[in-house]
Amino acid sequence: MYRFDERIDRQGTNSVKWETNHPDYNGEGMLPLWVADMDFACPPEVTEALIKRASHPIYGYPMKQVSFYQSLQEWIHKRFGITVEESWMTGIPGVVPGLHVAIEAFTAMNDKVLVQTPVYHPFFHAVENRGRQVITSSLVEKAGRYEMNWDDLAQKLSDPRVKLMLLCSPHNPVGRVWTREELERLGTLCVEQGVIVVADEIHADLVYEKGSHTPYYSLAPELSSQSVTFLSASKTFNLAGLFTSYLLTENHQLLRDFSQTASKMGYENLNLFGMEATIAAFRHGEAWLTELLVYLRGNAEYLNRCLAKKLPEISMAVPEATYLGWMDFRLLGLSQAELNKLLRREAKLGLHDGVTFGSEGEGFQRINFGCPRVILEEAMSRLEQAIHR
């Protein structure tokens, strides 16, 4: 029904992904496969909702209408069978701004914040920009699958200066969907040490096995009440440019502290069109999402098979979630500088440098496969020619 194979020209749309002209990602002749938005048309119901609202010619300050919060409440119940309250939510113009607010609200200058690396690079920036110290716990790779390093986590969390942990769930860039058992074990460690968990669940809907994602807010109250979760329709329905997200927590004190800090930092308002798009997506976008997930999984499996057959020295495990693949180039024996030169100058591929996500990304690149299959076929052809020339 939906045309995910259609290649849509994004030139002239002020696209960061396609028009930045950055030499590492989309310089002349390069195929951009980096920043995390998709090259697919969003659900038609979203476009219709935006056109309907745009037809009224006054775009003044909007309220955070009840339907905005109700749409998320309904979506969570439909997708996860979990009942949450509207009183647990507030809006924030993007998860990254929300990370900054949470760090400011829940920690003090020079406190430490734990992240599990390799990880979404704005985690580092948010901590450092607020004058806090990043503490890393490296994920453990076993045959392309990553797991938490429990001994290291226990040691790092026991530091009294570690006040907060940023959890990426599902994980970007390695594509893990953490199990309930893993989250409960992690939550227990954090509660024992008085560490607040800030869960970034922006990819929660992009899981390939239905029901595999466990929302952190669904854990036992003694664990979930020491946490806040960021959610958004932006990754799921390709609405990133509308900068509209949520924070959810049953802990009213954490919600109050966050909301007050957000107001002080100038983040109290939301985008008029972002709210309209979010409501339409959550209420009418499920059929589109069902087809999208089949297509994305097919793309990931295509990359996995293509590399195994034509470029066995390069690998990419099929992720459990997201439209982001973690490509392993280590068998090529190149330094990161040499690898980047090969990919950008010879293959003309704008992949995302793995080191951006932490030192554990040495020898890796992140690929965004949220695009028509023909683009991936072109990328693999370029890569094969560059490796075998």
Protein backbone atom coordinates (compact mmCIF):
# COMPACT_ATOMS: atom_id res chain seq x y z
CA MET A 1 0.00 0.00 0.00
CA TYR A 2 2.74 2.47 0.94
CA ARG A 3 5.51 3.19 -1.56
CA PHE A 4 8.71 2.78 0.42
CA ASP A 5 10.56 1.84 -2.77
CA GLU A 6 9.86 5.28 -4.27
CA ARG A 7 13.00 7.41 -4.46
CA ILE A 8 12.01 10.95 -3.48
CA ASP A 9 14.33 13.81 -4.42
CA ARG A 10 15.08 15.83 -1.26
CA GLN A 11 17.26 18.44 -2.93
CA GLY A 12 15.85 21.93 -2.44
CA THR A 13 14.06 21.00 0.80
CA ASN A 14 16.73 22.41 3.16
CA SER A 15 17.72 18.86 4.13
CA VAL A 16 20.65 18.47 6.53
CA LYS A 17 21.14 14.93 5.27
CA TRP A 18 21.28 15.76 1.58
CA GLU A 19 22.25 19.43 1.34
CA THR A 20 24.77 20.23 4.09
CA ASN A 21 27.70 19.79 1.67
CA HIS A 22 29.87 18.41 4.46
CA PRO A 23 32.98 16.68 3.02
CA ASP A 24 32.59 13.73 5.38
CA TYR A 25 28.93 13.01 4.66
CA ASN A 26 27.52 14.60 1.52
CA GLY A 27 30.28 16.32 -0.38
CA GLU A 28 30.26 16.35 -4.16
CA GLY A 29 29.23 12.99 -5.61
CA MET A 30 28.69 11.36 -2.20
CA LEU A 31 25.74 9.23 -1.19
CA PRO A 32 24.59 10.40 2.28
CA LEU A 33 23.73 7.56 4.66
CA TRP A 34 24.44 9.25 7.97
CA VAL A 35 22.05 11.48 9.95
CA ALA A 36 19.05 9.63 11.38
CA ASP A 37 16.07 10.62 9.34
CA MET A 38 14.42 8.45 6.69
CA ASP A 39 14.02 9.03 2.98
CA PHE A 40 10.38 7.95 3.08
CA ALA A 41 7.20 10.00 2.87
CA CYS A 42 5.51 10.17 6.27
CA PRO A 43 1.99 8.71 6.71
CA PRO A 44 -0.49 10.53 4.46
CA GLU A 45 -2.71 11.26 7.46
CA VAL A 46 0.09 13.37 8.90
CA THR A 47 0.42 15.40 5.72
CA GLU A 48 -3.35 15.87 5.64
CA ALA A 49 -3.39 17.09 9.25
CA LEU A 50 -0.62 19.60 8.56
CA ILE A 51 -2.30 20.92 5.41
CA LYS A 52 -5.58 21.28 7.28
CA ARG A 53 -3.96 23.31 10.05
CA ALA A 54 -1.85 25.32 7.61
CA SER A 55 -5.03 26.36 5.79
CA HIS A 56 -5.84 28.60 8.75
CA PRO A 57 -3.58 31.61 8.11
CA ILE A 58 -2.74 32.48 11.71
CA TYR A 59 0.08 30.57 13.39
CA GLY A 60 0.17 32.13 16.85
CA TYR A 61 1.36 30.62 20.11
CA PRO A 62 -0.30 27.22 20.62
CA MET A 63 -1.44 25.51 23.79
CA LYS A 64 -0.29 22.00 24.67
CA GLN A 65 -3.75 20.64 24.03
CA VAL A 66 -5.14 17.66 25.89
CA SER A 67 -5.30 15.61 22.69
CA PHE A 68 -1.50 15.87 22.35
CA TYR A 69 -1.02 14.00 25.61
CA GLN A 70 -3.97 11.71 25.03
CA SER A 71 -2.56 10.57 21.69
CA LEU A 72 0.62 9.32 23.39
CA GLN A 73 -1.42 7.73 26.18
CA GLU A 74 -3.54 5.89 23.61
CA TRP A 75 -0.48 4.85 21.57
CA ILE A 76 1.34 3.39 24.59
CA HIS A 77 -1.73 1.40 25.57
CA LYS A 78 -2.25 0.13 22.02
CA ARG A 79 1.41 -0.79 21.35
CA PHE A 80 2.54 -1.97 24.77
CA GLY A 81 -0.63 -2.67 26.73
CA ILE A 82 0.49 -0.21 29.42
CA THR A 83 -1.71 2.40 31.07
CA VAL A 84 -0.02 5.73 31.77
CA GLU A 85 -1.54 8.95 33.05
CA GLU A 86 -1.63 12.28 31.27
CA SER A 87 -0.36 13.80 34.52
CA TRP A 88 2.93 11.92 34.01
CA MET A 89 3.77 13.85 30.83
CA THR A 90 5.13 17.12 29.61
CA GLY A 91 6.17 18.27 26.15
CA ILE A 92 9.69 19.27 25.14
CA PRO A 93 10.95 20.48 21.72
CA GLY A 94 13.14 17.47 21.03
CA VAL A 95 14.88 14.71 22.96
CA VAL A 96 18.30 16.37 22.75
CA PRO A 97 17.05 19.60 24.37
CA GLY A 98 15.33 17.36 26.88
CA LEU A 99 18.61 15.65 27.76
CA HIS A 100 20.14 19.04 28.49
CA VAL A 101 17.19 19.97 30.70
CA ALA A 102 17.24 16.66 32.57
CA ILE A 103 20.95 16.92 33.31
CA GLU A 104 20.50 20.49 34.53
CA ALA A 105 17.47 19.56 36.63
CA PHE A 106 18.73 16.36 38.25
CA THR A 107 22.46 16.97 38.73
CA ALA A 108 24.83 19.69 39.90
CA MET A 109 27.98 21.14 38.36
CA ASN A 110 30.84 18.62 38.26
CA ASP A 111 28.57 15.66 39.02
CA LYS A 112 29.19 12.56 36.91
CA VAL A 113 26.79 11.08 34.34
CA LEU A 114 27.15 7.49 33.14
CA VAL A 115 26.67 6.43 29.51
CA GLN A 116 27.14 3.04 27.82
CA THR A 117 29.41 3.29 24.81
CA PRO A 118 29.40 3.24 21.84
CA VAL A 119 26.35 5.47 22.06
CA TYR A 120 24.40 8.28 20.37
CA HIS A 121 26.94 11.11 20.41
CA PRO A 122 24.67 13.94 21.68
CA PHE A 123 24.74 12.11 25.02
CA PHE A 124 28.35 13.23 25.42
CA HIS A 125 27.61 16.78 24.32
CA ALA A 126 24.62 17.19 26.64
CA VAL A 127 26.67 16.14 29.68
CA GLU A 128 29.70 18.26 28.83
CA ASN A 129 27.66 21.30 27.78
CA ARG A 130 26.04 21.36 31.23
CA GLY A 131 29.42 21.25 33.01
CA ARG A 132 29.12 17.64 34.13
CA GLN A 133 31.60 14.79 33.65
CA VAL A 134 30.98 11.86 31.30
CA ILE A 135 31.68 8.42 32.75
CA THR A 136 31.63 5.59 30.21
CA SER A 137 30.88 1.91 30.59
CA SER A 138 31.76 0.01 27.43
CA LEU A 139 29.25 -2.46 26.09
CA VAL A 140 30.68 -5.94 25.51
CA GLU A 141 30.57 -7.27 21.96
CA LYS A 142 30.10 -10.98 21.38
CA ALA A 143 29.97 -12.02 17.71
CA GLY A 144 28.29 -8.78 16.66
CA ARG A 145 25.83 -8.69 19.57
CA TYR A 146 26.36 -6.24 22.43
CA GLU A 147 25.64 -6.79 26.10
CA MET A 148 25.96 -4.70 29.23
CA ASN A 149 29.18 -5.00 31.25
CA TRP A 150 27.66 -5.75 34.64
CA ASP A 151 30.83 -5.72 36.73
CA ASP A 152 31.93 -2.45 35.21
CA LEU A 153 28.47 -0.93 35.64
CA ALA A 154 28.35 -1.89 39.31
CA GLN A 155 31.76 -0.35 39.89
CA LYS A 156 31.00 2.88 38.02
CA LEU A 157 27.57 3.34 39.61
CA SER A 158 29.03 2.96 43.09
CA ASP A 159 30.94 6.22 42.64
CA PRO A 160 29.01 8.70 44.85
CA ARG A 161 29.55 11.45 42.27
CA VAL A 162 27.63 9.49 39.62
CA LYS A 163 24.14 10.94 40.00
CA LEU A 164 22.48 10.08 36.71
CA MET A 165 22.60 7.50 33.92
CA LEU A 166 21.59 8.10 30.31
CA LEU A 167 20.10 4.89 28.93
CA CYS A 168 19.62 4.42 25.18
CA SER A 169 16.76 1.93 24.77
CA PRO A 170 16.62 0.55 22.09
CA HIS A 171 20.30 1.28 21.67
CA ASN A 172 21.75 3.53 19.00
CA PRO A 173 24.02 2.62 17.23
CA VAL A 174 24.29 -1.11 18.06
CA GLY A 175 20.59 -1.90 17.64
CA ARG A 176 20.02 -3.85 20.85
CA VAL A 177 16.59 -4.16 22.40
CA TRP A 178 17.27 -4.59 26.10
CA THR A 179 15.33 -7.40 27.74
CA ARG A 180 13.14 -6.88 30.79
CA GLU A 181 15.66 -8.89 32.82
CA GLU A 182 18.51 -6.65 31.74
CA LEU A 183 16.56 -3.50 32.55
CA GLU A 184 15.49 -4.82 35.94
CA ARG A 185 19.07 -5.71 36.81
CA LEU A 186 20.25 -2.29 35.68
CA GLY A 187 17.43 -0.54 37.53
CA THR A 188 18.23 -2.39 40.73
CA LEU A 189 21.86 -1.27 40.54
CA CYS A 190 20.78 2.34 40.00
CA VAL A 191 18.25 2.32 42.85
CA GLU A 192 20.81 0.82 45.22
CA GLN A 193 23.21 3.67 44.43
CA GLY A 194 20.61 6.46 44.22
CA VAL A 195 21.25 7.07 40.51
CA ILE A 196 18.43 8.54 38.41
CA VAL A 197 17.87 6.84 35.03
CA VAL A 198 17.06 9.03 32.03
CA ALA A 199 15.83 6.66 29.30
CA ASP A 200 15.92 7.78 25.68
CA GLU A 201 13.27 5.59 24.04
CA ILE A 202 12.91 7.52 20.81
CA HIS A 203 13.36 4.27 18.82
CA ALA A 204 10.88 2.30 20.97
CA ASP A 205 8.44 1.71 18.11
CA LEU A 206 11.08 0.63 15.59
CA VAL A 207 11.54 -2.92 16.88
CA TYR A 208 11.35 -5.90 14.52
CA GLU A 209 9.92 -8.44 16.97
CA LYS A 210 6.55 -7.21 18.17
CA GLY A 211 6.46 -6.82 21.92
CA SER A 212 10.21 -7.14 22.36
CA HIS A 213 10.74 -3.63 23.70
CA THR A 214 10.24 -3.16 27.44
CA PRO A 215 9.54 0.48 28.32
CA TYR A 216 11.53 1.54 31.34
CA TYR A 217 8.41 3.16 32.81
CA SER A 218 6.74 -0.29 32.81
CA LEU A 219 9.18 -1.74 35.34
CA ALA A 220 8.19 -2.24 38.98
CA PRO A 221 7.42 1.10 40.67
CA GLU A 222 10.46 0.91 42.93
CA LEU A 223 12.60 1.02 39.75
CA SER A 224 10.54 3.14 37.37
CA SER A 225 9.85 5.87 39.92
CA GLN A 226 13.55 6.73 39.93
CA SER A 227 13.51 7.47 36.21
CA VAL A 228 12.21 9.66 33.41
CA THR A 229 11.68 8.58 29.80
CA PHE A 230 11.85 10.56 26.57
CA LEU A 231 9.46 9.58 23.78
CA SER A 232 8.56 11.00 20.40
CA ALA A 233 6.83 10.24 17.11
CA SER A 234 9.78 11.77 15.29
CA LYS A 235 11.91 8.71 14.46
CA THR A 236 8.95 6.36 14.10
CA PHE A 237 7.07 8.47 11.56
CA ASN A 238 9.92 10.56 10.09
CA LEU A 239 8.94 13.86 11.72
CA ALA A 240 12.33 14.91 13.12
CA GLY A 241 12.19 18.39 11.61
CA LEU A 242 9.08 19.24 13.65
CA PHE A 243 11.00 19.11 16.98
CA THR A 244 8.27 17.76 19.24
CA SER A 245 8.79 15.19 22.01
CA TYR A 246 7.57 14.10 25.42
CA LEU A 247 8.98 13.41 28.85
CA LEU A 248 7.11 10.81 30.91
CA THR A 249 7.55 9.87 34.57
CA GLU A 250 5.28 8.74 37.39
CA ASN A 251 7.53 10.60 39.84
CA HIS A 252 5.80 13.94 40.29
CA GLN A 253 8.84 15.54 41.92
CA LEU A 254 11.07 14.63 38.97
CA LEU A 255 8.40 15.91 36.58
CA ARG A 256 8.09 19.16 38.54
CA ASP A 257 11.86 19.69 38.65
CA PHE A 258 12.15 18.98 34.94
CA SER A 259 9.28 21.28 33.97
CA GLN A 260 10.57 24.16 36.10
CA THR A 261 14.07 23.79 34.66
CA ALA A 262 12.73 23.57 31.10
CA SER A 263 10.86 26.84 31.65
CA LYS A 264 13.98 28.55 33.01
CA MET A 265 15.93 27.36 29.96
CA GLY A 266 13.28 28.66 27.53
CA TYR A 267 11.86 25.28 26.49
CA GLU A 268 8.28 25.71 27.72
CA ASN A 269 6.66 25.98 24.26
CA LEU A 270 6.09 23.38 21.54
CA ASN A 271 5.83 23.60 17.77
CA LEU A 272 2.27 24.11 16.56
CA PHE A 273 2.67 21.81 13.57
CA GLY A 274 4.72 19.29 15.52
CA MET A 275 1.81 18.68 17.87
CA GLU A 276 -0.66 18.31 15.00
CA ALA A 277 1.63 15.85 13.23
CA THR A 278 2.23 13.85 16.40
CA ILE A 279 -1.48 13.48 17.13
CA ALA A 280 -2.19 12.36 13.56
CA ALA A 281 0.72 9.92 13.54
CA PHE A 282 -0.17 8.23 16.81
CA ARG A 283 -3.87 8.01 16.00
CA HIS A 284 -3.70 7.06 12.32
CA GLY A 285 -0.17 5.85 11.51
CA GLU A 286 -0.13 2.26 12.76
CA ALA A 287 -0.81 0.61 9.39
CA TRP A 288 2.00 2.67 7.83
CA LEU A 289 4.35 1.65 10.64
CA THR A 290 3.50 -2.03 10.22
CA GLU A 291 4.57 -1.92 6.57
CA LEU A 292 7.60 0.25 7.35
CA LEU A 293 8.99 -2.29 9.82
CA VAL A 294 8.78 -5.07 7.23
CA TYR A 295 10.61 -2.90 4.72
CA LEU A 296 13.30 -1.82 7.17
CA ARG A 297 13.97 -5.36 8.28
CA GLY A 298 14.25 -6.35 4.63
CA ASN A 299 16.81 -3.59 4.10
CA ALA A 300 18.87 -4.76 7.08
CA GLU A 301 18.78 -8.36 5.89
CA TYR A 302 19.76 -7.25 2.39
CA LEU A 303 22.86 -5.48 3.73
CA ASN A 304 23.76 -8.46 5.90
CA ARG A 305 23.48 -10.91 2.97
CA CYS A 306 25.20 -8.63 0.47
CA LEU A 307 28.23 -8.12 2.70
CA ALA A 308 28.49 -11.81 3.54
CA LYS A 309 28.40 -12.77 -0.14
CA LYS A 310 30.44 -10.03 -1.81
CA LEU A 311 32.50 -8.40 0.96
CA PRO A 312 33.01 -11.01 3.71
CA GLU A 313 35.74 -8.89 5.28
CA ILE A 314 32.98 -6.43 6.24
CA SER A 315 29.98 -7.39 8.35
CA MET A 316 26.78 -5.92 9.76
CA ALA A 317 24.57 -7.82 12.17
CA VAL A 318 20.85 -7.36 11.59
CA PRO A 319 19.82 -5.04 14.44
CA GLU A 320 16.91 -5.82 16.72
CA ALA A 321 15.56 -2.28 16.29
CA THR A 322 16.10 1.09 14.55
CA TYR A 323 16.99 1.80 10.92
CA LEU A 324 20.66 2.15 11.79
CA GLY A 325 23.26 -0.52 11.05
CA TRP A 326 26.61 -0.92 12.80
CA MET A 327 29.09 -1.94 10.10
CA ASP A 328 32.30 -3.69 11.16
CA PHE A 329 35.33 -2.97 8.96
CA ARG A 330 37.99 -4.16 11.40
CA LEU A 331 39.14 -7.10 9.26
CA LEU A 332 40.37 -4.63 6.63
CA GLY A 333 43.15 -3.73 9.05
CA LEU A 334 42.89 0.00 8.34
CA SER A 335 43.30 2.86 10.76
CA GLN A 336 40.17 4.96 11.25
CA ALA A 337 41.69 7.72 9.14
CA GLU A 338 42.45 5.25 6.34
CA LEU A 339 38.97 3.75 6.57
CA ASN A 340 37.31 7.15 6.42
CA LYS A 341 39.44 8.09 3.39
CA LEU A 342 38.51 4.86 1.61
CA LEU A 343 34.80 5.31 2.22
CA ARG A 344 34.51 9.04 1.60
CA ARG A 345 37.01 9.68 -1.18
CA GLU A 346 36.95 6.40 -3.08
CA ALA A 347 33.57 4.81 -2.38
CA LYS A 348 31.89 8.22 -2.10
CA LEU A 349 29.75 7.00 0.79
CA GLY A 350 28.69 9.32 3.58
CA LEU A 351 28.56 6.84 6.45
CA HIS A 352 28.76 8.03 10.07
CA ASP A 353 32.24 7.61 11.54
CA GLY A 354 32.06 5.02 14.31
CA VAL A 355 34.44 6.93 16.58
CA THR A 356 31.80 9.65 16.84
CA PHE A 357 29.96 7.25 19.17
CA GLY A 358 32.96 6.64 21.40
CA SER A 359 36.40 5.07 21.15
CA GLU A 360 34.72 1.66 20.94
CA GLY A 361 33.63 2.67 17.43
CA GLU A 362 37.15 2.31 16.08
CA GLY A 363 36.87 0.20 12.92
CA PHE A 364 33.10 0.75 12.63
CA GLN A 365 30.74 2.96 10.65
CA ARG A 366 27.02 3.57 11.19
CA ILE A 367 24.78 3.29 8.14
CA ASN A 368 21.25 4.66 7.89
CA PHE A 369 19.24 2.11 5.91
CA GLY A 370 15.96 4.01 6.25
CA CYS A 371 15.81 4.57 2.50
CA PRO A 372 14.59 2.90 -0.71
CA ARG A 373 16.40 -0.37 -1.44
CA VAL A 374 17.83 1.03 -4.67
CA ILE A 375 19.93 3.49 -2.66
CA LEU A 376 21.42 0.65 -0.62
CA GLU A 377 22.13 -1.31 -3.79
CA GLU A 378 24.02 1.67 -5.14
CA ALA A 379 25.92 2.01 -1.85
CA MET A 380 26.97 -1.64 -1.86
CA SER A 381 28.07 -1.39 -5.49
CA ARG A 382 30.24 1.63 -4.65
CA LEU A 383 31.69 -0.12 -1.62
CA GLU A 384 32.51 -3.29 -3.56
CA GLN A 385 34.27 -1.31 -6.30
CA ALA A 386 36.31 0.66 -3.77
CA ILE A 387 37.41 -2.42 -1.84
CA HIS A 388 38.26 -4.52 -4.90
CA ARG A 389 39.87 -1.92 -7.14
